[in-house]
Amino acid sequence: MKTIQMTLDEDLVHAVDRVTRQMKTSRSAFTRSALREAIQRYEVRRLEEKHRKGYERHPAKPDEFLVWEDEQAWEDR
């Protein structure tokens, strides 16, 4: 692991300290987890944006997915 220095607002430090006490964890462990989750959310948003732009450039045709209709298992049948 690598040690880094960060500058945080005082109220954020107090909130992190409160939460880490409740979670019985350290600031570092909490921050690692929060950063991993933020990166994962960023990646999901990036992929969703990529897909949205792809469908804008190449919209699905109205009958494009009809071939799969018979393949779906519906509970009411």
PDB file of N, CA and C in Angstrom:
ATOM      1  N   MET A   1       0.835  -1.181   0.000  1.00  0.00           N
ATOM      2  CA  MET A   1       0.000   0.000   0.000  1.00  0.00           C
ATOM      3  C   MET A   1       0.875   1.238   0.000  1.00  0.00           C
ATOM      4  N   LYS A   2       0.276   2.307  -0.421  1.00  0.00           N
ATOM      5  CA  LYS A   2       0.988   3.578  -0.491  1.00  0.00           C
ATOM      6  C   LYS A   2       0.292   4.582   0.414  1.00  0.00           C
ATOM      7  N   THR A   3       1.069   5.334   1.166  1.00  0.00           N
ATOM      8  CA  THR A   3       0.527   6.382   2.024  1.00  0.00           C
ATOM      9  C   THR A   3       0.418   7.665   1.217  1.00  0.00           C
ATOM     10  N   ILE A   4      -0.749   8.312   1.311  1.00  0.00           N
ATOM     11  CA  ILE A   4      -0.959   9.587   0.616  1.00  0.00           C
ATOM     12  C   ILE A   4      -1.483  10.605   1.610  1.00  0.00           C
ATOM     13  N   GLN A   5      -1.391  11.866   1.239  1.00  0.00           N
ATOM     14  CA  GLN A   5      -1.922  12.939   2.070  1.00  0.00           C
ATOM     15  C   GLN A   5      -3.099  13.553   1.331  1.00  0.00           C
ATOM     16  N   MET A   6      -4.173  13.853   2.076  1.00  0.00           N
ATOM     17  CA  MET A   6      -5.363  14.445   1.463  1.00  0.00           C
ATOM     18  C   MET A   6      -5.791  15.655   2.278  1.00  0.00           C
ATOM     19  N   THR A   7      -6.424  16.601   1.628  1.00  0.00           N
ATOM     20  CA  THR A   7      -6.999  17.757   2.296  1.00  0.00           C
ATOM     21  C   THR A   7      -8.512  17.620   2.244  1.00  0.00           C
ATOM     22  N   LEU A   8      -9.142  17.641   3.424  1.00  0.00           N
ATOM     23  CA  LEU A   8     -10.593  17.476   3.512  1.00  0.00           C
ATOM     24  C   LEU A   8     -11.187  18.598   4.340  1.00  0.00           C
ATOM     25  N   ASP A   9     -12.432  18.931   4.038  1.00  0.00           N
ATOM     26  CA  ASP A   9     -13.163  19.894   4.859  1.00  0.00           C
ATOM     27  C   ASP A   9     -13.342  19.335   6.260  1.00  0.00           C
ATOM     28  N   GLU A  10     -13.328  20.221   7.232  1.00  0.00           N
ATOM     29  CA  GLU A  10     -13.438  19.817   8.636  1.00  0.00           C
ATOM     30  C   GLU A  10     -14.720  19.029   8.903  1.00  0.00           C
ATOM     31  N   ASP A  11     -15.839  19.476   8.313  1.00  0.00           N
ATOM     32  CA  ASP A  11     -17.105  18.769   8.550  1.00  0.00           C
ATOM     33  C   ASP A  11     -17.079  17.361   7.962  1.00  0.00           C
ATOM     34  N   LEU A  12     -16.375  17.188   6.862  1.00  0.00           N
ATOM     35  CA  LEU A  12     -16.254  15.859   6.265  1.00  0.00           C
ATOM     36  C   LEU A  12     -15.413  14.953   7.160  1.00  0.00           C
ATOM     37  N   VAL A  13     -14.350  15.477   7.721  1.00  0.00           N
ATOM     38  CA  VAL A  13     -13.516  14.699   8.641  1.00  0.00           C
ATOM     39  C   VAL A  13     -14.339  14.252   9.842  1.00  0.00           C
ATOM     40  N   HIS A  14     -15.137  15.162  10.398  1.00  0.00           N
ATOM     41  CA  HIS A  14     -15.986  14.801  11.545  1.00  0.00           C
ATOM     42  C   HIS A  14     -17.000  13.720  11.171  1.00  0.00           C
ATOM     43  N   ALA A  15     -17.592  13.836   9.980  1.00  0.00           N
ATOM     44  CA  ALA A  15     -18.562  12.832   9.535  1.00  0.00           C
ATOM     45  C   ALA A  15     -17.885  11.476   9.338  1.00  0.00           C
ATOM     46  N   VAL A  16     -16.706  11.474   8.743  1.00  0.00           N
ATOM     47  CA  VAL A  16     -15.967  10.226   8.540  1.00  0.00           C
ATOM     48  C   VAL A  16     -15.595   9.611   9.879  1.00  0.00           C
ATOM     49  N   ASP A  17     -15.129  10.433  10.804  1.00  0.00           N
ATOM     50  CA  ASP A  17     -14.766   9.920  12.126  1.00  0.00           C
ATOM     51  C   ASP A  17     -15.974   9.309  12.843  1.00  0.00           C
ATOM     52  N   ARG A  18     -17.119   9.959  12.726  1.00  0.00           N
ATOM     53  CA  ARG A  18     -18.341   9.430  13.353  1.00  0.00           C
ATOM     54  C   ARG A  18     -18.712   8.083  12.753  1.00  0.00           C
ATOM     55  N   VAL A  19     -18.696   8.004  11.437  1.00  0.00           N
ATOM     56  CA  VAL A  19     -19.073   6.767  10.750  1.00  0.00           C
ATOM     57  C   VAL A  19     -18.066   5.650  11.029  1.00  0.00           C
ATOM     58  N   THR A  20     -16.787   5.977  10.996  1.00  0.00           N
ATOM     59  CA  THR A  20     -15.782   4.928  11.222  1.00  0.00           C
ATOM     60  C   THR A  20     -15.857   4.389  12.646  1.00  0.00           C
ATOM     61  N   ARG A  21     -16.196   5.239  13.613  1.00  0.00           N
ATOM     62  CA  ARG A  21     -16.397   4.736  14.987  1.00  0.00           C
ATOM     63  C   ARG A  21     -17.570   3.766  15.032  1.00  0.00           C
ATOM     64  N   GLN A  22     -18.661   4.136  14.372  1.00  0.00           N
ATOM     65  CA  GLN A  22     -19.849   3.274  14.351  1.00  0.00           C
ATOM     66  C   GLN A  22     -19.553   1.960  13.629  1.00  0.00           C
ATOM     67  N   MET A  23     -18.761   2.027  12.586  1.00  0.00           N
ATOM     68  CA  MET A  23     -18.436   0.835  11.803  1.00  0.00           C
ATOM     69  C   MET A  23     -17.280   0.036  12.400  1.00  0.00           C
ATOM     70  N   LYS A  24     -16.647   0.611  13.411  1.00  0.00           N
ATOM     71  CA  LYS A  24     -15.478  -0.020  14.035  1.00  0.00           C
ATOM     72  C   LYS A  24     -14.403  -0.321  12.992  1.00  0.00           C
ATOM     73  N   THR A  25     -14.068   0.712  12.223  1.00  0.00           N
ATOM     74  CA  THR A  25     -13.045   0.603  11.194  1.00  0.00           C
ATOM     75  C   THR A  25     -12.162   1.839  11.247  1.00  0.00           C
ATOM     76  N   SER A  26     -11.197   1.910  10.391  1.00  0.00           N
ATOM     77  CA  SER A  26     -10.288   3.061  10.365  1.00  0.00           C
ATOM     78  C   SER A  26     -10.672   4.023   9.251  1.00  0.00           C
ATOM     79  N   ARG A  27     -10.152   5.230   9.351  1.00  0.00           N
ATOM     80  CA  ARG A  27     -10.354   6.201   8.272  1.00  0.00           C
ATOM     81  C   ARG A  27      -9.825   5.632   6.951  1.00  0.00           C
ATOM     82  N   SER A  28      -8.655   5.016   7.013  1.00  0.00           N
ATOM     83  CA  SER A  28      -8.039   4.494   5.789  1.00  0.00           C
ATOM     84  C   SER A  28      -8.890   3.408   5.149  1.00  0.00           C
ATOM     85  N   ALA A  29      -9.371   2.459   5.960  1.00  0.00           N
ATOM     86  CA  ALA A  29     -10.198   1.378   5.417  1.00  0.00           C
ATOM     87  C   ALA A  29     -11.494   1.936   4.845  1.00  0.00           C
ATOM     88  N   PHE A  30     -12.088   2.873   5.566  1.00  0.00           N
ATOM     89  CA  PHE A  30     -13.325   3.500   5.093  1.00  0.00           C
ATOM     90  C   PHE A  30     -13.083   4.221   3.773  1.00  0.00           C
ATOM     91  N   THR A  31     -11.993   4.969   3.695  1.00  0.00           N
ATOM     92  CA  THR A  31     -11.677   5.731   2.486  1.00  0.00           C
ATOM     93  C   THR A  31     -11.387   4.808   1.310  1.00  0.00           C
ATOM     94  N   ARG A  32     -10.658   3.732   1.545  1.00  0.00           N
ATOM     95  CA  ARG A  32     -10.405   2.767   0.457  1.00  0.00           C
ATOM     96  C   ARG A  32     -11.719   2.224  -0.091  1.00  0.00           C
ATOM     97  N   SER A  33     -12.616   1.842   0.817  1.00  0.00           N
ATOM     98  CA  SER A  33     -13.908   1.302   0.393  1.00  0.00           C
ATOM     99  C   SER A  33     -14.721   2.351  -0.371  1.00  0.00           C
ATOM    100  N   ALA A  34     -14.757   3.574   0.151  1.00  0.00           N
ATOM    101  CA  ALA A  34     -15.519   4.645  -0.501  1.00  0.00           C
ATOM    102  C   ALA A  34     -14.960   4.953  -1.884  1.00  0.00           C
ATOM    103  N   LEU A  35     -13.643   4.964  -2.000  1.00  0.00           N
ATOM    104  CA  LEU A  35     -13.031   5.233  -3.305  1.00  0.00           C
ATOM    105  C   LEU A  35     -13.304   4.104  -4.296  1.00  0.00           C
ATOM    106  N   ARG A  36     -13.244   2.861  -3.828  1.00  0.00           N
ATOM    107  CA  ARG A  36     -13.566   1.733  -4.726  1.00  0.00           C
ATOM    108  C   ARG A  36     -15.002   1.834  -5.235  1.00  0.00           C
ATOM    109  N   GLU A  37     -15.928   2.147  -4.324  1.00  0.00           N
ATOM    110  CA  GLU A  37     -17.333   2.284  -4.724  1.00  0.00           C
ATOM    111  C   GLU A  37     -17.524   3.443  -5.689  1.00  0.00           C
ATOM    112  N   ALA A  38     -16.847   4.563  -5.451  1.00  0.00           N
ATOM    113  CA  ALA A  38     -16.961   5.718  -6.349  1.00  0.00           C
ATOM    114  C   ALA A  38     -16.419   5.380  -7.729  1.00  0.00           C
ATOM    115  N   ILE A  39     -15.309   4.661  -7.783  1.00  0.00           N
ATOM    116  CA  ILE A  39     -14.735   4.261  -9.072  1.00  0.00           C
ATOM    117  C   ILE A  39     -15.683   3.320  -9.802  1.00  0.00           C
ATOM    118  N   GLN A  40     -16.282   2.384  -9.074  1.00  0.00           N
ATOM    119  CA  GLN A  40     -17.231   1.456  -9.700  1.00  0.00           C
ATOM    120  C   GLN A  40     -18.443   2.209 -10.256  1.00  0.00           C
ATOM    121  N   ARG A  41     -18.989   3.158  -9.484  1.00  0.00           N
ATOM    122  CA  ARG A  41     -20.123   3.960  -9.972  1.00  0.00           C
ATOM    123  C   ARG A  41     -19.727   4.758 -11.214  1.00  0.00           C
ATOM    124  N   TYR A  42     -18.518   5.310 -11.202  1.00  0.00           N
ATOM    125  CA  TYR A  42     -18.025   6.061 -12.359  1.00  0.00           C
ATOM    126  C   TYR A  42     -17.967   5.161 -13.590  1.00  0.00           C
ATOM    127  N   GLU A  43     -17.438   3.961 -13.425  1.00  0.00           N
ATOM    128  CA  GLU A  43     -17.316   3.034 -14.554  1.00  0.00           C
ATOM    129  C   GLU A  43     -18.686   2.651 -15.101  1.00  0.00           C
ATOM    130  N   VAL A  44     -19.648   2.430 -14.227  1.00  0.00           N
ATOM    131  CA  VAL A  44     -21.010   2.095 -14.677  1.00  0.00           C
ATOM    132  C   VAL A  44     -21.595   3.266 -15.460  1.00  0.00           C
ATOM    133  N   ARG A  45     -21.457   4.482 -14.931  1.00  0.00           N
ATOM    134  CA  ARG A  45     -21.975   5.664 -15.644  1.00  0.00           C
ATOM    135  C   ARG A  45     -21.289   5.826 -17.000  1.00  0.00           C
ATOM    136  N   ARG A  46     -19.973   5.576 -17.042  1.00  0.00           N
ATOM    137  CA  ARG A  46     -19.224   5.695 -18.293  1.00  0.00           C
ATOM    138  C   ARG A  46     -19.733   4.689 -19.322  1.00  0.00           C
ATOM    139  N   LEU A  47     -19.957   3.443 -18.902  1.00  0.00           N
ATOM    140  CA  LEU A  47     -20.469   2.431 -19.824  1.00  0.00           C
ATOM    141  C   LEU A  47     -21.897   2.740 -20.264  1.00  0.00           C
ATOM    142  N   GLU A  48     -22.729   3.219 -19.335  1.00  0.00           N
ATOM    143  CA  GLU A  48     -24.098   3.588 -19.709  1.00  0.00           C
ATOM    144  C   GLU A  48     -24.099   4.709 -20.734  1.00  0.00           C
ATOM    145  N   GLU A  49     -23.218   5.680 -20.555  1.00  0.00           N
ATOM    146  CA  GLU A  49     -23.109   6.779 -21.513  1.00  0.00           C
ATOM    147  C   GLU A  49     -22.627   6.261 -22.867  1.00  0.00           C
ATOM    148  N   LYS A  50     -21.679   5.352 -22.849  1.00  0.00           N
ATOM    149  CA  LYS A  50     -21.180   4.755 -24.096  1.00  0.00           C
ATOM    150  C   LYS A  50     -22.300   4.014 -24.822  1.00  0.00           C
ATOM    151  N   HIS A  51     -23.089   3.254 -24.080  1.00  0.00           N
ATOM    152  CA  HIS A  51     -24.210   2.529 -24.693  1.00  0.00           C
ATOM    153  C   HIS A  51     -25.260   3.496 -25.235  1.00  0.00           C
ATOM    154  N   ARG A  52     -25.561   4.545 -24.442  1.00  0.00           N
ATOM    155  CA  ARG A  52     -26.553   5.525 -24.892  1.00  0.00           C
ATOM    156  C   ARG A  52     -26.115   6.158 -26.205  1.00  0.00           C
ATOM    157  N   LYS A  53     -24.845   6.560 -26.286  1.00  0.00           N
ATOM    158  CA  LYS A  53     -24.354   7.179 -27.522  1.00  0.00           C
ATOM    159  C   LYS A  53     -24.382   6.188 -28.680  1.00  0.00           C
ATOM    160  N   GLY A  54     -24.066   4.923 -28.401  1.00  0.00           N
ATOM    161  CA  GLY A  54     -24.123   3.911 -29.451  1.00  0.00           C
ATOM    162  C   GLY A  54     -25.520   3.731 -29.998  1.00  0.00           C
ATOM    163  N   TYR A  55     -26.523   3.705 -29.109  1.00  0.00           N
ATOM    164  CA  TYR A  55     -27.908   3.560 -29.567  1.00  0.00           C
ATOM    165  C   TYR A  55     -28.405   4.825 -30.255  1.00  0.00           C
ATOM    166  N   GLU A  56     -27.852   5.990 -29.887  1.00  0.00           N
ATOM    167  CA  GLU A  56     -28.209   7.202 -30.621  1.00  0.00           C
ATOM    168  C   GLU A  56     -27.676   7.142 -32.051  1.00  0.00           C
ATOM    169  N   ARG A  57     -26.456   6.617 -32.204  1.00  0.00           N
ATOM    170  CA  ARG A  57     -25.864   6.506 -33.547  1.00  0.00           C
ATOM    171  C   ARG A  57     -26.504   5.382 -34.357  1.00  0.00           C
ATOM    172  N   HIS A  58     -26.851   4.300 -33.683  1.00  0.00           N
ATOM    173  CA  HIS A  58     -27.429   3.129 -34.359  1.00  0.00           C
ATOM    174  C   HIS A  58     -28.646   2.660 -33.564  1.00  0.00           C
ATOM    175  N   PRO A  59     -29.790   3.345 -33.711  1.00  0.00           N
ATOM    176  CA  PRO A  59     -30.982   2.972 -32.940  1.00  0.00           C
ATOM    177  C   PRO A  59     -31.451   1.551 -33.259  1.00  0.00           C
ATOM    178  N   ALA A  60     -32.047   0.927 -32.265  1.00  0.00           N
ATOM    179  CA  ALA A  60     -32.614  -0.414 -32.479  1.00  0.00           C
ATOM    180  C   ALA A  60     -33.793  -0.287 -33.434  1.00  0.00           C
ATOM    181  N   LYS A  61     -33.886  -1.251 -34.331  1.00  0.00           N
ATOM    182  CA  LYS A  61     -35.020  -1.270 -35.259  1.00  0.00           C
ATOM    183  C   LYS A  61     -36.239  -1.810 -34.517  1.00  0.00           C
ATOM    184  N   PRO A  62     -37.451  -1.374 -34.912  1.00  0.00           N
ATOM    185  CA  PRO A  62     -38.660  -1.800 -34.188  1.00  0.00           C
ATOM    186  C   PRO A  62     -38.804  -3.319 -34.061  1.00  0.00           C
ATOM    187  N   ASP A  63     -38.374  -4.071 -35.063  1.00  0.00           N
ATOM    188  CA  ASP A  63     -38.551  -5.522 -35.025  1.00  0.00           C
ATOM    189  C   ASP A  63     -37.255  -6.267 -34.690  1.00  0.00           C
ATOM    190  N   GLU A  64     -36.252  -5.538 -34.231  1.00  0.00           N
ATOM    191  CA  GLU A  64     -34.930  -6.130 -34.035  1.00  0.00           C
ATOM    192  C   GLU A  64     -34.925  -7.267 -33.007  1.00  0.00           C
ATOM    193  N   PHE A  65     -35.751  -7.189 -32.012  1.00  0.00           N
ATOM    194  CA  PHE A  65     -35.722  -8.185 -30.949  1.00  0.00           C
ATOM    195  C   PHE A  65     -36.903  -9.154 -30.987  1.00  0.00           C
ATOM    196  N   LEU A  66     -37.718  -9.078 -32.035  1.00  0.00           N
ATOM    197  CA  LEU A  66     -38.879  -9.967 -32.139  1.00  0.00           C
ATOM    198  C   LEU A  66     -38.479 -11.433 -32.169  1.00  0.00           C
ATOM    199  N   VAL A  67     -37.322 -11.746 -32.728  1.00  0.00           N
ATOM    200  CA  VAL A  67     -36.882 -13.129 -32.834  1.00  0.00           C
ATOM    201  C   VAL A  67     -36.763 -13.776 -31.448  1.00  0.00           C
ATOM    202  N   TRP A  68     -36.557 -12.979 -30.415  1.00  0.00           N
ATOM    203  CA  TRP A  68     -36.390 -13.512 -29.066  1.00  0.00           C
ATOM    204  C   TRP A  68     -37.705 -13.665 -28.304  1.00  0.00           C
ATOM    205  N   GLU A  69     -38.793 -13.149 -28.830  1.00  0.00           N
ATOM    206  CA  GLU A  69     -40.084 -13.221 -28.139  1.00  0.00           C
ATOM    207  C   GLU A  69     -40.463 -14.650 -27.768  1.00  0.00           C
ATOM    208  N   ASP A  70     -40.292 -15.592 -28.685  1.00  0.00           N
ATOM    209  CA  ASP A  70     -40.672 -16.983 -28.422  1.00  0.00           C
ATOM    210  C   ASP A  70     -39.699 -17.672 -27.471  1.00  0.00           C
ATOM    211  N   GLU A  71     -38.521 -17.121 -27.315  1.00  0.00           N
ATOM    212  CA  GLU A  71     -37.501 -17.724 -26.454  1.00  0.00           C
ATOM    213  C   GLU A  71     -37.688 -17.359 -24.985  1.00  0.00           C
ATOM    214  N   GLN A  72     -38.470 -16.340 -24.712  1.00  0.00           N
ATOM    215  CA  GLN A  72     -38.647 -15.882 -23.332  1.00  0.00           C
ATOM    216  C   GLN A  72     -39.633 -16.786 -22.609  1.00  0.00           C
ATOM    217  N   ALA A  73     -39.316 -17.089 -21.369  1.00  0.00           N
ATOM    218  CA  ALA A  73     -40.214 -17.913 -20.551  1.00  0.00           C
ATOM    219  C   ALA A  73     -41.095 -16.986 -19.727  1.00  0.00           C
ATOM    220  N   TRP A  74     -42.390 -17.026 -20.006  1.00  0.00           N
ATOM    221  CA  TRP A  74     -43.331 -16.171 -19.283  1.00  0.00           C
ATOM    222  C   TRP A  74     -44.089 -17.038 -18.290  1.00  0.00           C
ATOM    223  N   GLU A  75     -44.227 -16.556 -17.087  1.00  0.00           N
ATOM    224  CA  GLU A  75     -44.875 -17.311 -16.009  1.00  0.00           C
ATOM    225  C   GLU A  75     -46.360 -17.575 -16.249  1.00  0.00           C
ATOM    226  N   ASP A  76     -47.036 -16.703 -16.966  1.00  0.00           N
ATOM    227  CA  ASP A  76     -48.490 -16.839 -17.142  1.00  0.00           C
ATOM    228  C   ASP A  76     -48.883 -17.751 -18.293  1.00  0.00           C
ATOM    229  N   ARG A  77     -47.943 -18.389 -18.926  1.00  0.00           N
ATOM    230  CA  ARG A  77     -48.286 -19.296 -20.043  1.00  0.00           C
ATOM    231  C   ARG A  77     -48.507 -20.696 -19.537  1.00  0.00           C
TER     232      ARG A  77
END
